[in-house]
């Protein structure tokens, strides 16, 4: 009987070590949606771009097993909130709500100051005004994505001014199509993304205009967000790589 107990304990210990090792080697899912110039798929299984490239290098050169998986952005945040696996998102902004259910790395990229994108023919909105002045004008409709952050400055002003909103769940490409059929007057966007997005929507860049605001601060920083199931040691490895290889002007 004693020998059987010792044997069972030995097997239990081996299984425990195997499960622990398997969990440690479990690849992290890096979730992304197709979003040039931040996250375009170069070839099947290879994602590059302004935020994808430093993310890939950080994981690869830190020796962290990972796989890329394409998932719509609105589902990505829900997956992180459920915390059922080791998942990371690429290039998202930081805000207090997201910090409740995710772990952030240091910033991997910083945008240029945000712009508004509008139809060239739209006479309701022009450059030169402050963000607050535009949002306070109830005749101007702002198109936003549900559950999306436009950075603290814009998010705070949207809450403060309660502008005329059209809120949708579609990706930015579809939002450009909505602008084209005049469902709204403008959308906030990173300048880096605008021209490529218009071309992907198969419109002419000349049909649109960039709205530049008099008070828009420096661009938002973008981070890697990970579920709470991702070990702190992984975040530390990523941060070490970022500190050594990423810098902003």
Protein backbone atom coordinates (compact mmCIF):
# COMPACT_ATOMS: atom_id res chain seq x y z
CA UNK A 1 0.00 0.00 0.00
CA UNK A 2 2.80 2.39 0.91
CA UNK A 3 4.57 1.66 -2.38
CA UNK A 4 1.35 2.38 -4.30
CA UNK A 5 0.91 5.71 -2.53
CA UNK A 6 4.49 6.71 -3.33
CA UNK A 7 4.00 5.69 -6.98
CA UNK A 8 0.75 7.66 -7.28
CA UNK A 9 2.43 10.70 -5.71
CA UNK A 10 5.31 10.38 -8.17
CA UNK A 11 2.95 10.21 -11.17
CA UNK A 12 0.93 13.16 -9.84
CA UNK A 13 4.12 15.19 -9.50
CA UNK A 14 5.20 14.32 -13.04
CA UNK A 15 1.80 15.29 -14.44
CA UNK A 16 1.88 18.53 -12.50
CA UNK A 17 5.30 19.40 -13.87
CA UNK A 18 4.18 18.48 -17.40
CA UNK A 19 1.09 20.69 -17.19
CA UNK A 20 3.13 23.54 -15.72
CA UNK A 21 5.74 23.24 -18.48
CA UNK A 22 3.05 23.01 -21.18
CA UNK A 23 1.37 26.16 -19.89
CA UNK A 24 4.69 27.98 -19.76
CA UNK A 25 5.40 27.04 -23.39
CA UNK A 26 1.89 27.80 -24.60
CA UNK A 27 2.18 30.34 -27.43
CA UNK A 28 0.59 33.72 -26.86
CA UNK A 29 -2.05 34.66 -29.42
CA UNK A 30 -1.36 38.07 -30.93
CA UNK A 31 -4.75 39.33 -32.14
CA UNK A 32 -4.96 41.87 -34.95
CA UNK A 33 -7.22 43.25 -37.63
CA UNK A 34 -6.03 44.28 -41.09
CA UNK A 35 -5.09 47.95 -40.71
CA UNK A 36 -2.40 49.49 -42.96
CA UNK A 37 0.01 51.06 -42.25
CA UNK A 38 -0.08 49.67 -38.71
CA UNK A 39 -0.99 46.01 -39.26
CA UNK A 40 -1.01 44.88 -42.89
CA UNK A 41 -0.53 41.19 -43.69
CA UNK A 42 2.58 41.09 -45.89
CA UNK A 43 2.26 37.40 -46.82
CA UNK A 44 0.11 34.70 -45.17
CA UNK A 45 1.19 34.39 -41.54
CA UNK A 46 3.48 37.43 -41.64
CA UNK A 47 2.20 40.76 -40.30
CA UNK A 48 4.28 43.92 -40.69
CA UNK A 49 3.75 47.65 -40.26
CA UNK A 50 4.25 50.56 -37.87
CA UNK A 51 3.05 48.63 -34.83
CA UNK A 52 3.24 45.04 -36.08
CA UNK A 53 6.96 45.07 -36.90
CA UNK A 54 8.22 46.18 -33.46
CA UNK A 55 5.74 43.76 -31.85
CA UNK A 56 7.01 40.83 -33.94
CA UNK A 57 10.62 41.68 -33.20
CA UNK A 58 9.92 42.11 -29.47
CA UNK A 59 8.35 38.64 -29.22
CA UNK A 60 10.85 36.93 -31.51
CA UNK A 61 14.02 38.41 -30.05
CA UNK A 62 12.74 37.92 -26.49
CA UNK A 63 12.16 34.23 -27.19
CA UNK A 64 8.42 34.36 -26.46
CA UNK A 65 6.35 31.72 -28.34
CA UNK A 66 3.50 33.38 -30.22
CA UNK A 67 1.08 33.11 -33.12
CA UNK A 68 -0.78 35.83 -35.04
CA UNK A 69 -4.55 35.54 -35.42
CA UNK A 70 -6.79 37.89 -37.40
CA UNK A 71 -9.88 38.91 -35.41
CA UNK A 72 -12.17 41.99 -35.75
CA UNK A 73 -11.15 44.73 -33.31
CA UNK A 74 -14.47 44.79 -31.45
CA UNK A 75 -14.04 41.09 -30.56
CA UNK A 76 -10.43 41.56 -29.51
CA UNK A 77 -11.28 43.69 -26.50
CA UNK A 78 -14.05 41.27 -25.45
CA UNK A 79 -11.55 38.39 -25.54
CA UNK A 80 -9.15 40.32 -23.32
CA UNK A 81 -11.92 41.10 -20.83
CA UNK A 82 -12.93 37.42 -20.56
CA UNK A 83 -9.30 36.51 -19.77
CA UNK A 84 -9.68 32.88 -20.80
CA UNK A 85 -6.29 32.58 -22.45
CA UNK A 86 -2.94 34.21 -23.12
CA UNK A 87 -3.82 36.91 -25.63
CA UNK A 88 -2.24 40.22 -26.65
CA UNK A 89 -3.48 43.09 -28.81
CA UNK A 90 -1.27 45.34 -30.89
CA UNK A 91 -1.10 49.12 -31.09
CA UNK A 92 -4.01 50.12 -28.84
CA UNK A 93 -4.23 53.30 -26.77
CA UNK A 94 -4.07 53.27 -22.98
CA UNK A 95 -7.01 54.37 -20.84
CA UNK A 96 -8.13 53.80 -17.26
CA UNK A 97 -10.97 51.44 -18.19
CA UNK A 98 -8.74 49.08 -20.15
CA UNK A 99 -6.14 49.05 -17.39
CA UNK A 100 -8.68 47.28 -15.17
CA UNK A 101 -8.57 44.08 -17.24
CA UNK A 102 -5.28 44.17 -19.14
CA UNK A 103 -1.53 44.48 -18.80
CA UNK A 104 0.27 47.11 -20.86
CA UNK A 105 3.80 47.10 -22.20
CA UNK A 106 5.73 50.29 -22.74
CA UNK A 107 4.75 52.23 -25.88
CA UNK A 108 5.82 50.75 -29.22
CA UNK A 109 4.82 53.67 -31.47
CA UNK A 110 3.63 57.28 -31.31
CA UNK A 111 1.19 58.73 -33.84
CA UNK A 112 1.36 62.10 -35.48
CA UNK A 113 -1.30 64.50 -34.11
CA UNK A 114 -4.78 63.20 -34.92
CA UNK A 115 -6.75 64.76 -37.77
CA UNK A 116 -10.39 64.79 -38.82
CA UNK A 117 -11.24 63.19 -42.15
CA UNK A 118 -14.14 64.70 -44.09
CA UNK A 119 -15.42 64.89 -47.66
CA UNK A 120 -13.78 67.71 -49.60
CA UNK A 121 -17.25 68.96 -50.54
CA UNK A 122 -18.39 69.17 -46.90
CA UNK A 123 -18.77 72.86 -45.98
CA UNK A 124 -19.82 72.17 -42.39
CA UNK A 125 -16.28 71.59 -41.14
CA UNK A 126 -12.94 73.24 -41.94
CA UNK A 127 -9.45 73.34 -40.46
CA UNK A 128 -8.37 75.92 -37.90
CA UNK A 129 -10.93 75.46 -35.13
CA UNK A 130 -10.28 73.72 -31.82
CA UNK A 131 -11.55 70.20 -31.23
CA UNK A 132 -13.94 71.52 -28.57
CA UNK A 133 -15.42 74.15 -30.91
CA UNK A 134 -16.14 71.51 -33.54
CA UNK A 135 -17.64 69.03 -31.07
CA UNK A 136 -19.87 71.70 -29.52
CA UNK A 137 -21.43 72.43 -32.91
CA UNK A 138 -24.51 70.20 -32.94
CA UNK A 139 -24.81 70.64 -36.71
CA UNK A 140 -21.62 68.62 -37.17
CA UNK A 141 -22.00 64.83 -36.88
CA UNK A 142 -19.03 62.84 -35.63
CA UNK A 143 -18.72 59.20 -36.70
CA UNK A 144 -17.15 56.99 -34.02
CA UNK A 145 -16.50 53.29 -33.48
CA UNK A 146 -18.19 51.74 -30.44
CA UNK A 147 -15.81 50.71 -27.68
CA UNK A 148 -12.91 52.48 -29.38
CA UNK A 149 -10.59 55.01 -27.78
CA UNK A 150 -9.35 58.06 -29.68
CA UNK A 151 -6.89 58.93 -26.93
CA UNK A 152 -7.50 60.67 -23.62
CA UNK A 153 -7.72 64.21 -25.01
CA UNK A 154 -10.42 63.42 -27.57
CA UNK A 155 -12.23 60.88 -25.37
CA UNK A 156 -12.51 63.44 -22.54
CA UNK A 157 -13.83 66.15 -24.88
CA UNK A 158 -16.43 63.79 -26.35
CA UNK A 159 -17.72 63.06 -22.85
CA UNK A 160 -17.65 66.75 -21.91
CA UNK A 161 -19.33 68.20 -25.00
CA UNK A 162 -21.80 65.41 -25.83
CA UNK A 163 -21.55 66.01 -29.60
CA UNK A 164 -23.88 64.77 -32.33
CA UNK A 165 -22.68 61.19 -32.72
CA UNK A 166 -23.14 58.34 -35.15
CA UNK A 167 -21.76 55.27 -33.34
CA UNK A 168 -21.03 52.08 -35.32
CA UNK A 169 -19.32 48.72 -34.85
CA UNK A 170 -17.66 48.48 -38.27
CA UNK A 171 -13.97 48.88 -39.11
CA UNK A 172 -12.39 52.12 -40.33
CA UNK A 173 -12.63 51.07 -43.99
CA UNK A 174 -16.42 50.88 -43.74
CA UNK A 175 -16.47 54.19 -41.89
CA UNK A 176 -14.82 55.88 -44.86
CA UNK A 177 -17.63 54.50 -47.05
CA UNK A 178 -20.14 55.98 -44.59
CA UNK A 179 -18.47 59.39 -44.92
CA UNK A 180 -18.72 59.10 -48.69
CA UNK A 181 -22.51 58.65 -48.54
CA UNK A 182 -22.75 61.50 -46.00
CA UNK A 183 -23.87 59.49 -42.98
CA UNK A 184 -21.69 61.81 -40.89
CA UNK A 185 -19.44 64.85 -41.32
CA UNK A 186 -16.09 63.54 -40.11
CA UNK A 187 -14.12 60.91 -38.25
CA UNK A 188 -11.04 61.23 -36.07
CA UNK A 189 -8.06 59.41 -37.50
CA UNK A 190 -4.30 59.08 -37.30
CA UNK A 191 -2.79 60.98 -40.21
CA UNK A 192 -0.55 57.99 -41.04
CA UNK A 193 -3.60 55.90 -41.87
CA UNK A 194 -5.73 58.31 -43.89
CA UNK A 195 -4.39 58.18 -47.46
CA UNK A 196 -3.99 54.42 -47.49
CA UNK A 197 -7.46 53.90 -46.07
CA UNK A 198 -9.05 56.12 -48.73
CA UNK A 199 -7.26 54.19 -51.47
CA UNK A 200 -8.29 50.83 -49.96
CA UNK A 201 -11.89 52.06 -50.05
CA UNK A 202 -11.30 52.66 -53.80
CA UNK A 203 -11.90 56.40 -53.61
CA UNK A 204 -9.72 59.26 -54.77
CA UNK A 205 -7.72 61.08 -52.11
CA UNK A 206 -8.86 64.32 -53.77
CA UNK A 207 -12.44 63.58 -52.68
CA UNK A 208 -11.48 64.06 -49.03
CA UNK A 209 -9.79 66.68 -46.87
CA UNK A 210 -7.76 66.57 -43.67
CA UNK A 211 -9.16 68.68 -40.85
CA UNK A 212 -6.36 70.04 -38.68
CA UNK A 213 -7.33 71.34 -35.25
CA UNK A 214 -5.72 74.34 -33.56
CA UNK A 215 -5.36 72.60 -30.17
CA UNK A 216 -4.64 68.98 -31.07
CA UNK A 217 -1.80 67.70 -28.84
CA UNK A 218 1.05 65.42 -29.86
CA UNK A 219 -0.02 62.05 -31.19
CA UNK A 220 -1.12 59.21 -28.94
CA UNK A 221 1.22 56.43 -27.91
CA UNK A 222 0.33 52.90 -28.93
CA UNK A 223 0.96 49.86 -26.75
CA UNK A 224 0.76 46.08 -26.63
CA UNK A 225 -2.15 45.08 -24.36
CA UNK A 226 -2.21 41.60 -22.87
CA UNK A 227 -4.76 39.61 -20.91
CA UNK A 228 -4.22 39.18 -17.18
CA UNK A 229 -3.34 35.53 -17.87
CA UNK A 230 -0.10 36.62 -19.53
CA UNK A 231 2.72 36.33 -16.99
CA UNK A 232 4.40 39.46 -15.65
CA UNK A 233 7.72 37.93 -16.75
CA UNK A 234 6.53 38.11 -20.38
CA UNK A 235 5.63 41.79 -20.01
CA UNK A 236 9.04 42.43 -18.44
CA UNK A 237 10.82 40.75 -21.37
CA UNK A 238 8.84 42.78 -23.87
CA UNK A 239 9.52 46.01 -21.97
CA UNK A 240 13.24 45.27 -21.85
CA UNK A 241 13.29 44.86 -25.64
CA UNK A 242 11.18 48.01 -26.16
CA UNK A 243 13.44 50.11 -23.91
CA UNK A 244 16.47 49.06 -25.94
CA UNK A 245 15.00 49.36 -29.41
CA UNK A 246 12.12 51.85 -29.54
CA UNK A 247 12.39 55.62 -29.17
CA UNK A 248 10.19 58.60 -29.99
CA UNK A 249 11.02 62.10 -31.09
